[in-house]
């Protein structure tokens, strides 16, 4: 009788242990399934493009956080003389903004100036600037851009550019561009665009 009771007790203990192990296995499976489901549905710390979410405080990117300007956004000068006059106007506006302690007002003329400088070689060619002056135009426009890029970078960092240095370093290259523009006949500049368009049309023909 005692042997039978002992065996019965051992059997019950084994069954209880088996039930406990089965319950733990189901619990672990459930957790694994939940983790798999979360991973499949993207429930993690990154967005759908794999970028981590960050909280940005208002104004963190600064006031100059907008799409870059393009030629379509400005009234692009039609000829080389007009472009040099526009560059002189931009220069005055930029210096005035910095001197008056409103350097952020220089962002727009700086951006527009960069577009005009980029277009300057095409305008020089189309306006009849002699080929012998093209190298001087290219050097002067690069000098002008380099100096205003320094000022632009300082403004972006909330620093005040050196106005005296900027004024002095940009006067000479602008004067060289203006001197070249003064030698280009106005009639040639007025006719430059139609001539250029007809030349492109001839090149497009087979």
N, C-alpha and C. Protein backbone atom coordinates (compact mmCIF):
# COMPACT_ATOMS: atom_id res chain seq x y z
N UNK A 1 0.83 -1.21 0.00
CA UNK A 1 0.00 0.00 0.00
C UNK A 1 0.86 1.25 0.00
N UNK A 2 1.87 1.32 0.85
CA UNK A 2 2.76 2.48 0.92
C UNK A 2 3.51 2.68 -0.38
N UNK A 3 3.83 1.54 -1.04
CA UNK A 3 4.54 1.64 -2.32
C UNK A 3 3.64 2.28 -3.35
N UNK A 4 2.36 1.85 -3.34
CA UNK A 4 1.39 2.40 -4.32
C UNK A 4 1.21 3.89 -4.10
N UNK A 5 1.07 4.34 -2.84
CA UNK A 5 0.89 5.76 -2.55
C UNK A 5 2.12 6.56 -2.99
N UNK A 6 3.28 5.99 -2.80
CA UNK A 6 4.51 6.69 -3.19
C UNK A 6 4.56 6.90 -4.68
N UNK A 7 4.19 5.84 -5.42
CA UNK A 7 4.21 5.96 -6.87
C UNK A 7 3.17 6.98 -7.34
N UNK A 8 2.00 6.97 -6.70
CA UNK A 8 0.93 7.91 -7.08
C UNK A 8 1.37 9.35 -6.84
N UNK A 9 2.05 9.59 -5.71
CA UNK A 9 2.53 10.93 -5.38
C UNK A 9 3.57 11.40 -6.40
N UNK A 10 4.47 10.48 -6.78
CA UNK A 10 5.48 10.84 -7.77
C UNK A 10 4.85 11.16 -9.11
N UNK A 11 3.81 10.41 -9.46
CA UNK A 11 3.12 10.64 -10.74
C UNK A 11 2.47 12.01 -10.76
N UNK A 12 1.80 12.37 -9.64
CA UNK A 12 1.16 13.68 -9.56
C UNK A 12 2.20 14.81 -9.64
N UNK A 13 3.33 14.59 -8.96
CA UNK A 13 4.40 15.62 -9.00
C UNK A 13 4.93 15.80 -10.41
N UNK A 14 5.09 14.71 -11.14
CA UNK A 14 5.60 14.79 -12.52
C UNK A 14 4.62 15.52 -13.41
N UNK A 15 3.31 15.22 -13.22
CA UNK A 15 2.28 15.89 -14.03
C UNK A 15 2.29 17.39 -13.75
N UNK A 16 2.40 17.77 -12.47
CA UNK A 16 2.42 19.19 -12.10
C UNK A 16 3.63 19.88 -12.71
N UNK A 17 4.78 19.22 -12.68
CA UNK A 17 6.00 19.81 -13.25
C UNK A 17 5.85 19.99 -14.75
N UNK A 18 5.25 18.97 -15.40
CA UNK A 18 5.06 19.06 -16.85
C UNK A 18 4.14 20.22 -17.21
N UNK A 19 3.07 20.40 -16.43
CA UNK A 19 2.14 21.51 -16.67
C UNK A 19 2.84 22.85 -16.51
N UNK A 20 3.69 22.96 -15.50
CA UNK A 20 4.42 24.22 -15.26
C UNK A 20 5.35 24.53 -16.42
N UNK A 21 6.06 23.52 -16.90
CA UNK A 21 6.97 23.73 -18.03
C UNK A 21 6.21 24.13 -19.29
N UNK A 22 5.03 23.47 -19.49
CA UNK A 22 4.21 23.81 -20.66
C UNK A 22 3.74 25.25 -20.59
N UNK A 23 3.33 25.69 -19.41
CA UNK A 23 2.86 27.07 -19.24
C UNK A 23 3.97 28.06 -19.52
N UNK A 24 5.18 27.76 -19.03
CA UNK A 24 6.31 28.65 -19.29
C UNK A 24 6.63 28.70 -20.77
N UNK A 25 6.53 27.55 -21.43
CA UNK A 25 6.80 27.51 -22.87
C UNK A 25 5.81 28.36 -23.64
N UNK A 26 4.52 28.27 -23.30
CA UNK A 26 3.48 29.08 -23.96
C UNK A 26 3.71 30.55 -23.72
N UNK A 27 4.10 30.89 -22.47
CA UNK A 27 4.34 32.29 -22.14
C UNK A 27 5.49 32.84 -22.97
N UNK A 28 6.57 32.05 -23.07
CA UNK A 28 7.71 32.50 -23.85
C UNK A 28 7.35 32.64 -25.31
N UNK A 29 6.54 31.73 -25.83
CA UNK A 29 6.12 31.80 -27.22
C UNK A 29 5.29 33.04 -27.47
N UNK A 30 4.41 33.33 -26.50
CA UNK A 30 3.59 34.54 -26.64
C UNK A 30 4.41 35.79 -26.69
N UNK A 31 5.44 35.88 -25.83
CA UNK A 31 6.31 37.05 -25.84
C UNK A 31 7.06 37.15 -27.16
N UNK A 32 7.55 36.00 -27.64
CA UNK A 32 8.29 36.01 -28.90
C UNK A 32 7.40 36.45 -30.03
N UNK A 33 6.12 35.95 -30.02
CA UNK A 33 5.18 36.34 -31.08
C UNK A 33 4.92 37.83 -31.04
N UNK A 34 4.77 38.40 -29.84
CA UNK A 34 4.52 39.83 -29.72
C UNK A 34 5.71 40.62 -30.24
N UNK A 35 6.94 40.17 -29.90
CA UNK A 35 8.13 40.87 -30.38
C UNK A 35 8.23 40.80 -31.89
N UNK A 36 7.89 39.60 -32.45
CA UNK A 36 7.92 39.46 -33.91
C UNK A 36 6.91 40.37 -34.57
N UNK A 37 5.69 40.42 -33.98
CA UNK A 37 4.64 41.27 -34.54
C UNK A 37 5.04 42.73 -34.49
N UNK A 38 5.63 43.15 -33.38
CA UNK A 38 6.08 44.54 -33.27
C UNK A 38 7.12 44.87 -34.32
N UNK A 39 8.04 43.94 -34.54
CA UNK A 39 9.09 44.19 -35.53
C UNK A 39 8.50 44.28 -36.92
N UNK A 40 7.50 43.37 -37.22
CA UNK A 40 6.88 43.38 -38.54
C UNK A 40 6.10 44.65 -38.80
N UNK A 41 5.50 45.21 -37.78
CA UNK A 41 4.70 46.43 -37.94
C UNK A 41 5.51 47.69 -37.72
N UNK A 42 6.80 47.56 -37.51
CA UNK A 42 7.66 48.73 -37.39
C UNK A 42 7.53 49.46 -36.08
N UNK A 43 7.14 48.79 -35.02
CA UNK A 43 7.00 49.44 -33.72
C UNK A 43 8.35 49.50 -33.03
N UNK A 44 9.19 50.45 -33.45
CA UNK A 44 10.51 50.62 -32.84
C UNK A 44 10.83 52.09 -32.83
N UNK A 45 12.07 52.45 -32.59
CA UNK A 45 12.43 53.84 -32.39
C UNK A 45 12.79 54.58 -33.66
N UNK A 46 12.64 53.94 -34.82
CA UNK A 46 12.95 54.60 -36.07
C UNK A 46 11.70 54.71 -36.91
N UNK A 47 11.66 55.69 -37.81
CA UNK A 47 10.51 55.85 -38.67
C UNK A 47 10.61 54.89 -39.85
N UNK A 48 9.66 55.00 -40.78
CA UNK A 48 9.58 54.05 -41.88
C UNK A 48 10.77 54.14 -42.81
N UNK A 49 11.56 55.23 -42.74
CA UNK A 49 12.72 55.38 -43.60
C UNK A 49 14.01 55.02 -42.88
N UNK A 50 13.89 54.50 -41.65
CA UNK A 50 15.08 54.09 -40.93
C UNK A 50 15.76 55.22 -40.18
N UNK A 51 15.10 56.37 -40.07
CA UNK A 51 15.70 57.49 -39.35
C UNK A 51 15.15 57.54 -37.94
N UNK A 52 16.00 57.82 -36.99
CA UNK A 52 15.56 57.94 -35.62
C UNK A 52 14.75 59.22 -35.44
N UNK A 53 13.75 59.14 -34.60
CA UNK A 53 12.95 60.31 -34.29
C UNK A 53 13.70 61.22 -33.34
N UNK A 54 13.68 62.50 -33.63
CA UNK A 54 14.30 63.49 -32.75
C UNK A 54 13.31 64.61 -32.51
N UNK A 55 13.34 65.13 -31.33
CA UNK A 55 12.49 66.27 -31.01
C UNK A 55 13.23 67.55 -31.32
N UNK A 56 12.65 68.36 -32.23
CA UNK A 56 13.27 69.63 -32.59
C UNK A 56 12.51 70.77 -31.94
N UNK A 57 13.25 71.59 -31.24
CA UNK A 57 12.61 72.75 -30.65
C UNK A 57 12.32 73.78 -31.73
N UNK A 58 11.29 74.56 -31.49
CA UNK A 58 10.90 75.57 -32.46
C UNK A 58 12.04 76.56 -32.67
N UNK A 59 12.35 76.81 -33.95
CA UNK A 59 13.41 77.75 -34.27
C UNK A 59 14.80 77.17 -34.20
N UNK A 60 14.91 75.84 -34.02
CA UNK A 60 16.24 75.23 -33.88
C UNK A 60 17.05 75.37 -35.14
N UNK A 61 16.37 75.30 -36.31
CA UNK A 61 17.09 75.35 -37.57
C UNK A 61 17.46 76.77 -37.98
N UNK A 62 17.00 77.77 -37.28
CA UNK A 62 17.33 79.14 -37.62
C UNK A 62 16.31 79.74 -38.57
N UNK A 63 16.44 81.03 -38.80
CA UNK A 63 15.47 81.73 -39.63
C UNK A 63 15.71 81.50 -41.11
N UNK A 64 16.89 81.04 -41.49
CA UNK A 64 17.24 80.91 -42.91
C UNK A 64 17.06 79.46 -43.36
N UNK A 65 15.94 78.83 -42.93
CA UNK A 65 15.69 77.43 -43.25
C UNK A 65 14.59 77.37 -44.30
N UNK A 66 14.96 77.53 -45.57
CA UNK A 66 13.99 77.49 -46.64
C UNK A 66 14.64 76.91 -47.88
N UNK A 67 13.80 76.61 -48.88
CA UNK A 67 14.31 76.00 -50.09
C UNK A 67 15.26 76.95 -50.81
N UNK A 68 16.32 76.42 -51.41
CA UNK A 68 17.26 77.28 -52.13
C UNK A 68 16.59 78.01 -53.29
N UNK A 69 17.07 79.20 -53.58
CA UNK A 69 16.54 79.97 -54.69
C UNK A 69 17.01 79.37 -56.01
N UNK A 70 16.23 79.62 -57.06
CA UNK A 70 16.63 79.24 -58.40
C UNK A 70 16.48 80.45 -59.31
N UNK A 71 16.93 80.34 -60.54
CA UNK A 71 16.81 81.46 -61.47
C UNK A 71 15.36 81.89 -61.65
N UNK A 72 14.44 80.94 -61.55
CA UNK A 72 13.02 81.25 -61.73
C UNK A 72 12.49 82.15 -60.61
N UNK A 73 13.20 82.20 -59.50
CA UNK A 73 12.73 82.98 -58.34
C UNK A 73 13.17 84.44 -58.38
N UNK A 74 14.06 84.78 -59.31
CA UNK A 74 14.57 86.15 -59.33
C UNK A 74 14.43 86.74 -60.74
N UNK A 75 14.55 88.04 -60.80
CA UNK A 75 14.53 88.74 -62.08
C UNK A 75 15.97 88.77 -62.61
N UNK A 76 16.32 87.71 -63.33
CA UNK A 76 17.70 87.58 -63.81
C UNK A 76 18.01 88.64 -64.86
N UNK A 77 19.13 89.35 -64.72
CA UNK A 77 19.53 90.34 -65.74
C UNK A 77 19.63 89.69 -67.11
N UNK A 78 19.32 90.47 -68.14
CA UNK A 78 19.32 89.92 -69.50
C UNK A 78 20.67 90.05 -70.19
N UNK A 79 21.55 90.90 -69.66
CA UNK A 79 22.84 91.08 -70.32
C UNK A 79 23.93 91.32 -69.29
N UNK A 80 25.17 91.38 -69.76
CA UNK A 80 26.33 91.50 -68.87
C UNK A 80 26.34 92.83 -68.13
N UNK A 81 26.02 93.90 -68.83
CA UNK A 81 26.02 95.21 -68.17
C UNK A 81 24.99 95.25 -67.05
N UNK A 82 23.79 94.73 -67.34
CA UNK A 82 22.76 94.68 -66.30
C UNK A 82 23.18 93.82 -65.12
N UNK A 83 23.92 92.75 -65.41
CA UNK A 83 24.36 91.87 -64.33
C UNK A 83 25.37 92.56 -63.42
N UNK A 84 26.30 93.31 -64.00
CA UNK A 84 27.29 94.01 -63.16
C UNK A 84 26.61 95.10 -62.32
N UNK A 85 25.62 95.76 -62.90
CA UNK A 85 24.88 96.76 -62.13
C UNK A 85 24.12 96.10 -60.98
N UNK A 86 23.56 94.93 -61.25
CA UNK A 86 22.82 94.22 -60.20
C UNK A 86 23.77 93.76 -59.10
N UNK A 87 24.95 93.30 -59.46
CA UNK A 87 25.92 92.89 -58.44
C UNK A 87 26.31 94.06 -57.54
N UNK A 88 26.45 95.24 -58.14
CA UNK A 88 26.75 96.43 -57.34
C UNK A 88 25.63 96.75 -56.37
N UNK A 89 24.39 96.57 -56.83
CA UNK A 89 23.24 96.82 -55.96
C UNK A 89 23.19 95.81 -54.81
N UNK A 90 23.43 94.55 -55.14
CA UNK A 90 23.46 93.53 -54.08
C UNK A 90 24.54 93.86 -53.05
N UNK A 91 25.69 94.27 -53.51
CA UNK A 91 26.79 94.59 -52.61
C UNK A 91 26.40 95.71 -51.65
N UNK A 92 25.77 96.74 -52.17
CA UNK A 92 25.33 97.85 -51.30
C UNK A 92 24.31 97.38 -50.27
N UNK A 93 23.38 96.55 -50.69
CA UNK A 93 22.34 96.07 -49.76
C UNK A 93 22.93 95.18 -48.68
N UNK A 94 23.88 94.35 -49.05
CA UNK A 94 24.51 93.44 -48.08
C UNK A 94 25.32 94.24 -47.04
N UNK A 95 26.13 95.16 -47.52
CA UNK A 95 26.93 95.98 -46.60
C UNK A 95 26.03 96.80 -45.69
N UNK A 96 24.95 97.35 -46.25
CA UNK A 96 24.03 98.16 -45.45
C UNK A 96 23.38 97.34 -44.34
N UNK A 97 22.99 96.10 -44.68
CA UNK A 97 22.35 95.24 -43.68
C UNK A 97 23.31 94.92 -42.54
N UNK A 98 24.55 94.66 -42.86
CA UNK A 98 25.54 94.32 -41.83
C UNK A 98 25.85 95.54 -40.96
N UNK A 99 26.04 96.69 -41.59
CA UNK A 99 26.37 97.91 -40.86
C UNK A 99 25.24 98.32 -39.92
N UNK A 100 24.00 98.11 -40.35
CA UNK A 100 22.84 98.50 -39.55
C UNK A 100 22.46 97.47 -38.50
N UNK A 101 23.31 96.45 -38.32
CA UNK A 101 23.08 95.41 -37.31
C UNK A 101 21.87 94.53 -37.64
N UNK A 102 21.52 94.42 -38.91
CA UNK A 102 20.45 93.54 -39.36
C UNK A 102 21.02 92.57 -40.40
N UNK A 103 22.05 91.84 -39.97
CA UNK A 103 22.78 90.99 -40.91
C UNK A 103 21.91 89.94 -41.57
N UNK A 104 20.85 89.48 -40.88
CA UNK A 104 19.99 88.46 -41.47
C UNK A 104 19.24 88.98 -42.70
N UNK A 105 19.12 90.30 -42.81
CA UNK A 105 18.49 90.88 -44.01
C UNK A 105 19.38 90.71 -45.24
N UNK A 106 20.60 90.29 -45.04
CA UNK A 106 21.53 90.11 -46.16
C UNK A 106 21.38 88.74 -46.81
N UNK A 107 20.63 87.83 -46.20
CA UNK A 107 20.50 86.48 -46.76
C UNK A 107 19.97 86.50 -48.18
N UNK A 108 18.89 87.23 -48.40
CA UNK A 108 18.28 87.22 -49.74
C UNK A 108 19.21 87.80 -50.82
N UNK A 109 19.76 88.99 -50.62
CA UNK A 109 20.67 89.49 -51.66
C UNK A 109 21.90 88.62 -51.84
N UNK A 110 22.36 87.97 -50.79
CA UNK A 110 23.49 87.05 -50.93
C UNK A 110 23.13 85.86 -51.81
N UNK A 111 21.94 85.30 -51.59
CA UNK A 111 21.50 84.17 -52.39
C UNK A 111 21.28 84.56 -53.85
N UNK A 112 20.66 85.72 -54.06
CA UNK A 112 20.42 86.17 -55.42
C UNK A 112 21.74 86.50 -56.13
N UNK A 113 22.65 87.12 -55.40
CA UNK A 113 23.95 87.44 -55.97
C UNK A 113 24.65 86.18 -56.47
N UNK A 114 24.58 85.11 -55.72
CA UNK A 114 25.24 83.87 -56.11
C UNK A 114 24.70 83.35 -57.44
N UNK A 115 23.39 83.48 -57.64
CA UNK A 115 22.79 83.04 -58.90
C UNK A 115 23.28 83.89 -60.07
N UNK A 116 23.36 85.20 -59.87
CA UNK A 116 23.81 86.09 -60.93
C UNK A 116 25.29 85.82 -61.25
N UNK A 117 26.10 85.62 -60.23
CA UNK A 117 27.51 85.32 -60.45
C UNK A 117 27.67 84.03 -61.25
N UNK A 118 26.83 83.03 -60.93
CA UNK A 118 26.88 81.77 -61.67
C UNK A 118 26.57 81.97 -63.15
N UNK A 119 25.65 82.88 -63.44
CA UNK A 119 25.21 83.12 -64.81
C UNK A 119 26.11 84.09 -65.57
N UNK A 120 27.07 84.68 -64.91
CA UNK A 120 27.82 85.80 -65.47
C UNK A 120 28.60 85.43 -66.73
N UNK A 121 29.20 84.27 -66.77
CA UNK A 121 29.99 83.89 -67.95
C UNK A 121 29.10 83.73 -69.18
N UNK A 122 27.94 83.16 -69.01
CA UNK A 122 27.00 83.03 -70.13
C UNK A 122 26.55 84.40 -70.61
N UNK A 123 26.25 85.29 -69.68
CA UNK A 123 25.82 86.64 -70.05
C UNK A 123 26.94 87.40 -70.74
N UNK A 124 28.18 87.19 -70.31
CA UNK A 124 29.32 87.85 -70.95
C UNK A 124 29.46 87.39 -72.39
N UNK A 125 29.37 86.11 -72.61
CA UNK A 125 29.48 85.57 -73.96
C UNK A 125 28.34 86.08 -74.85
N UNK A 126 27.12 85.99 -74.34
CA UNK A 126 25.96 86.38 -75.13
C UNK A 126 25.87 87.88 -75.37
N UNK A 127 26.52 88.66 -74.52
CA UNK A 127 26.46 90.12 -74.64
C UNK A 127 27.59 90.66 -75.50
N UNK A 128 28.43 89.79 -76.02
CA UNK A 128 29.49 90.25 -76.90
C UNK A 128 30.75 90.69 -76.20
N UNK A 129 30.94 90.29 -74.97
CA UNK A 129 32.21 90.60 -74.29
C UNK A 129 33.32 89.88 -75.07
N UNK A 130 34.37 90.58 -75.46
CA UNK A 130 35.44 89.94 -76.23
C UNK A 130 36.01 88.72 -75.52
N UNK A 131 36.35 87.72 -76.30
CA UNK A 131 36.87 86.48 -75.73
C UNK A 131 38.13 86.73 -74.89
N UNK A 132 38.89 87.73 -75.26
CA UNK A 132 40.09 88.05 -74.49
C UNK A 132 39.80 88.53 -73.08
N UNK A 133 38.56 88.96 -72.81
CA UNK A 133 38.18 89.41 -71.47
C UNK A 133 37.51 88.32 -70.64
N UNK A 134 37.24 87.18 -71.23
CA UNK A 134 36.51 86.15 -70.51
C UNK A 134 37.26 85.65 -69.28
N UNK A 135 38.57 85.49 -69.40
CA UNK A 135 39.34 85.02 -68.26
C UNK A 135 39.27 86.03 -67.10
N UNK A 136 39.34 87.32 -67.43
CA UNK A 136 39.26 88.35 -66.39
C UNK A 136 37.89 88.35 -65.73
N UNK A 137 36.84 88.16 -66.54
CA UNK A 137 35.47 88.07 -65.99
C UNK A 137 35.38 86.89 -65.03
N UNK A 138 35.93 85.77 -65.42
CA UNK A 138 35.86 84.57 -64.59
C UNK A 138 36.62 84.75 -63.28
N UNK A 139 37.82 85.33 -63.35
CA UNK A 139 38.61 85.56 -62.14
C UNK A 139 37.91 86.54 -61.19
N UNK A 140 37.38 87.62 -61.76
CA UNK A 140 36.73 88.64 -60.92
C UNK A 140 35.48 88.10 -60.25
N UNK A 141 34.69 87.36 -60.98
CA UNK A 141 33.46 86.83 -60.37
C UNK A 141 33.77 85.82 -59.28
N UNK A 142 34.85 85.04 -59.47
CA UNK A 142 35.24 84.08 -58.43
C UNK A 142 35.73 84.79 -57.17
N UNK A 143 36.48 85.85 -57.35
CA UNK A 143 36.93 86.63 -56.18
C UNK A 143 35.74 87.21 -55.43
N UNK A 144 34.80 87.73 -56.18
CA UNK A 144 33.62 88.32 -55.57
C UNK A 144 32.83 87.28 -54.79
N UNK A 145 32.63 86.14 -55.40
CA UNK A 145 31.87 85.07 -54.73
C UNK A 145 32.59 84.59 -53.47
N UNK A 146 33.90 84.42 -53.54
CA UNK A 146 34.65 83.91 -52.40
C UNK A 146 34.51 84.83 -51.18
N UNK A 147 34.59 86.13 -51.40
CA UNK A 147 34.49 87.07 -50.28
C UNK A 147 33.08 87.11 -49.68
N UNK A 148 32.08 87.08 -50.53
CA UNK A 148 30.71 87.10 -50.01
C UNK A 148 30.32 85.75 -49.40
N UNK A 149 30.93 84.67 -49.84
CA UNK A 149 30.70 83.37 -49.20
C UNK A 149 31.21 83.38 -47.77
N UNK A 150 32.34 84.04 -47.55
CA UNK A 150 32.88 84.16 -46.18
C UNK A 150 31.89 84.92 -45.29
N UNK A 151 31.36 86.01 -45.83
CA UNK A 151 30.40 86.81 -45.06
C UNK A 151 29.13 86.01 -44.79
N UNK A 152 28.69 85.28 -45.79
CA UNK A 152 27.46 84.49 -45.65
C UNK A 152 27.62 83.42 -44.57
N UNK A 153 28.77 82.77 -44.56
CA UNK A 153 29.04 81.74 -43.56
C UNK A 153 29.04 82.33 -42.15
N UNK A 154 29.61 83.52 -42.01
CA UNK A 154 29.63 84.18 -40.70
C UNK A 154 28.21 84.50 -40.22
N UNK A 155 27.38 84.99 -41.12
CA UNK A 155 26.00 85.33 -40.76
C UNK A 155 25.24 84.08 -40.36
N UNK A 156 25.46 82.98 -41.07
CA UNK A 156 24.80 81.72 -40.73
C UNK A 156 25.17 81.24 -39.34
N UNK A 157 26.37 81.60 -38.89
CA UNK A 157 26.83 81.20 -37.55
C UNK A 157 26.53 82.26 -36.49
N UNK A 158 25.65 83.21 -36.85
CA UNK A 158 25.26 84.28 -35.93
C UNK A 158 26.44 85.17 -35.57
N UNK A 159 27.40 85.28 -36.47
CA UNK A 159 28.55 86.15 -36.27
C UNK A 159 28.44 87.36 -37.19
N UNK A 160 29.10 88.44 -36.82
CA UNK A 160 29.09 89.65 -37.62
C UNK A 160 30.30 89.68 -38.54
N UNK A 161 30.09 89.71 -39.85
CA UNK A 161 31.24 89.76 -40.76
C UNK A 161 32.05 91.03 -40.58
N UNK A 162 33.30 90.97 -40.98
CA UNK A 162 34.18 92.13 -40.94
C UNK A 162 33.79 93.06 -42.10
N UNK A 163 33.04 94.10 -41.79
CA UNK A 163 32.49 94.97 -42.83
C UNK A 163 33.60 95.66 -43.62
N UNK A 164 34.59 96.19 -42.92
CA UNK A 164 35.68 96.90 -43.60
C UNK A 164 36.41 95.99 -44.56
N UNK A 165 36.69 94.79 -44.12
CA UNK A 165 37.40 93.83 -44.98
C UNK A 165 36.54 93.44 -46.17
N UNK A 166 35.24 93.21 -45.93
CA UNK A 166 34.33 92.82 -47.00
C UNK A 166 34.20 93.93 -48.04
N UNK A 167 34.09 95.16 -47.57
CA UNK A 167 33.96 96.29 -48.49
C UNK A 167 35.21 96.46 -49.35
N UNK A 168 36.36 96.33 -48.72
CA UNK A 168 37.61 96.52 -49.45
C UNK A 168 37.89 95.37 -50.43
N UNK A 169 37.64 94.15 -49.99
CA UNK A 169 37.98 92.98 -50.81
C UNK A 169 37.04 92.76 -51.99
N UNK A 170 35.85 93.37 -51.93
CA UNK A 170 34.90 93.20 -53.03
C UNK A 170 34.87 94.38 -53.99
N UNK A 171 35.48 95.49 -53.60
CA UNK A 171 35.45 96.69 -54.45
C UNK A 171 36.24 96.46 -55.75
N UNK A 172 37.43 95.87 -55.65
CA UNK A 172 38.29 95.71 -56.82
C UNK A 172 37.72 94.76 -57.87
N UNK A 173 37.28 93.55 -57.50
CA UNK A 173 36.74 92.65 -58.53
C UNK A 173 35.47 93.21 -59.18
N UNK A 174 34.64 93.90 -58.40
CA UNK A 174 33.44 94.49 -58.99
C UNK A 174 33.82 95.60 -59.96
N UNK A 175 34.83 96.41 -59.61
CA UNK A 175 35.28 97.49 -60.49
C UNK A 175 35.81 96.93 -61.81
N UNK A 176 36.49 95.78 -61.76
CA UNK A 176 37.00 95.17 -62.99
C UNK A 176 35.86 94.70 -63.88
N UNK A 177 34.84 94.14 -63.28
CA UNK A 177 33.67 93.71 -64.06
C UNK A 177 32.95 94.91 -64.69
N UNK A 178 32.82 95.97 -63.92
CA UNK A 178 32.16 97.18 -64.44
C UNK A 178 32.96 97.80 -65.58
N UNK A 179 34.28 97.74 -65.49
CA UNK A 179 35.13 98.29 -66.56
C UNK A 179 34.95 97.50 -67.85
N UNK A 180 34.84 96.20 -67.74
CA UNK A 180 34.63 95.37 -68.93
C UNK A 180 33.25 95.64 -69.52
N UNK A 181 32.25 95.76 -68.65
CA UNK A 181 30.89 96.02 -69.12
C UNK A 181 30.80 97.35 -69.84
N UNK A 182 31.57 98.32 -69.38
CA UNK A 182 31.54 99.66 -70.00
C UNK A 182 32.09 99.63 -71.42
N UNK A 183 32.91 98.66 -71.75
CA UNK A 183 33.50 98.58 -73.09
C UNK A 183 32.61 97.84 -74.08
N UNK A 184 31.55 97.20 -73.58
CA UNK A 184 30.67 96.44 -74.47
C UNK A 184 29.62 97.39 -75.04
N UNK A 185 29.53 97.51 -76.37
CA UNK A 185 28.54 98.41 -76.98
C UNK A 185 27.12 98.04 -76.56
N UNK A 186 26.34 99.03 -76.22
CA UNK A 186 24.97 98.79 -75.77
C UNK A 186 24.15 98.12 -76.87
N UNK A 187 24.38 98.49 -78.14
CA UNK A 187 23.61 97.88 -79.22
C UNK A 187 23.88 96.39 -79.30
N UNK A 188 25.11 95.98 -79.04
CA UNK A 188 25.45 94.56 -79.07
C UNK A 188 24.73 93.82 -77.96
N UNK A 189 24.64 94.45 -76.78
CA UNK A 189 23.95 93.81 -75.67
C UNK A 189 22.47 93.67 -75.97
N UNK A 190 21.89 94.68 -76.60
CA UNK A 190 20.46 94.63 -76.90
C UNK A 190 20.15 93.52 -77.90
N UNK A 191 21.10 93.23 -78.81
CA UNK A 191 20.88 92.22 -79.83
C UNK A 191 21.36 90.84 -79.40
N UNK A 192 21.98 90.76 -78.25
CA UNK A 192 22.66 89.52 -77.85
C UNK A 192 21.71 88.33 -77.75
N UNK A 193 20.58 88.50 -77.09
CA UNK A 193 19.69 87.38 -76.85
C UNK A 193 19.13 86.78 -78.14
N UNK A 194 18.57 87.59 -79.08
CA UNK A 194 18.07 87.00 -80.32
C UNK A 194 19.14 86.29 -81.12
N UNK A 195 20.34 86.89 -81.19
CA UNK A 195 21.42 86.26 -81.94
C UNK A 195 21.77 84.91 -81.33
N UNK A 196 21.82 84.87 -79.99
CA UNK A 196 22.16 83.63 -79.31
C UNK A 196 21.11 82.56 -79.58
N UNK A 197 19.83 82.93 -79.56
CA UNK A 197 18.76 81.98 -79.78
C UNK A 197 18.82 81.42 -81.20
N UNK A 198 19.08 82.27 -82.19
CA UNK A 198 19.15 81.79 -83.57
C UNK A 198 20.34 80.86 -83.76
N UNK A 199 21.45 81.17 -83.08
CA UNK A 199 22.62 80.30 -83.17
C UNK A 199 22.32 78.93 -82.59
N UNK A 200 21.58 78.90 -81.48
CA UNK A 200 21.24 77.61 -80.89
C UNK A 200 20.30 76.83 -81.80
N UNK A 201 19.40 77.55 -82.50
CA UNK A 201 18.48 76.88 -83.41
C UNK A 201 19.24 76.26 -84.58
N UNK A 202 20.26 76.95 -85.09
CA UNK A 202 21.06 76.40 -86.19
C UNK A 202 21.82 75.16 -85.74
N UNK A 203 22.33 75.19 -84.50
CA UNK A 203 23.07 74.05 -83.98
C UNK A 203 22.17 72.82 -83.82
N UNK A 204 20.87 73.07 -83.55
CA UNK A 204 19.95 71.95 -83.33
C UNK A 204 19.54 71.27 -84.63
N UNK A 205 19.73 71.94 -85.77
CA UNK A 205 19.36 71.35 -87.04
C UNK A 205 20.31 70.22 -87.41
N UNK A 206 19.81 69.14 -88.06
CA UNK A 206 20.68 68.02 -88.44
C UNK A 206 21.65 68.38 -89.55
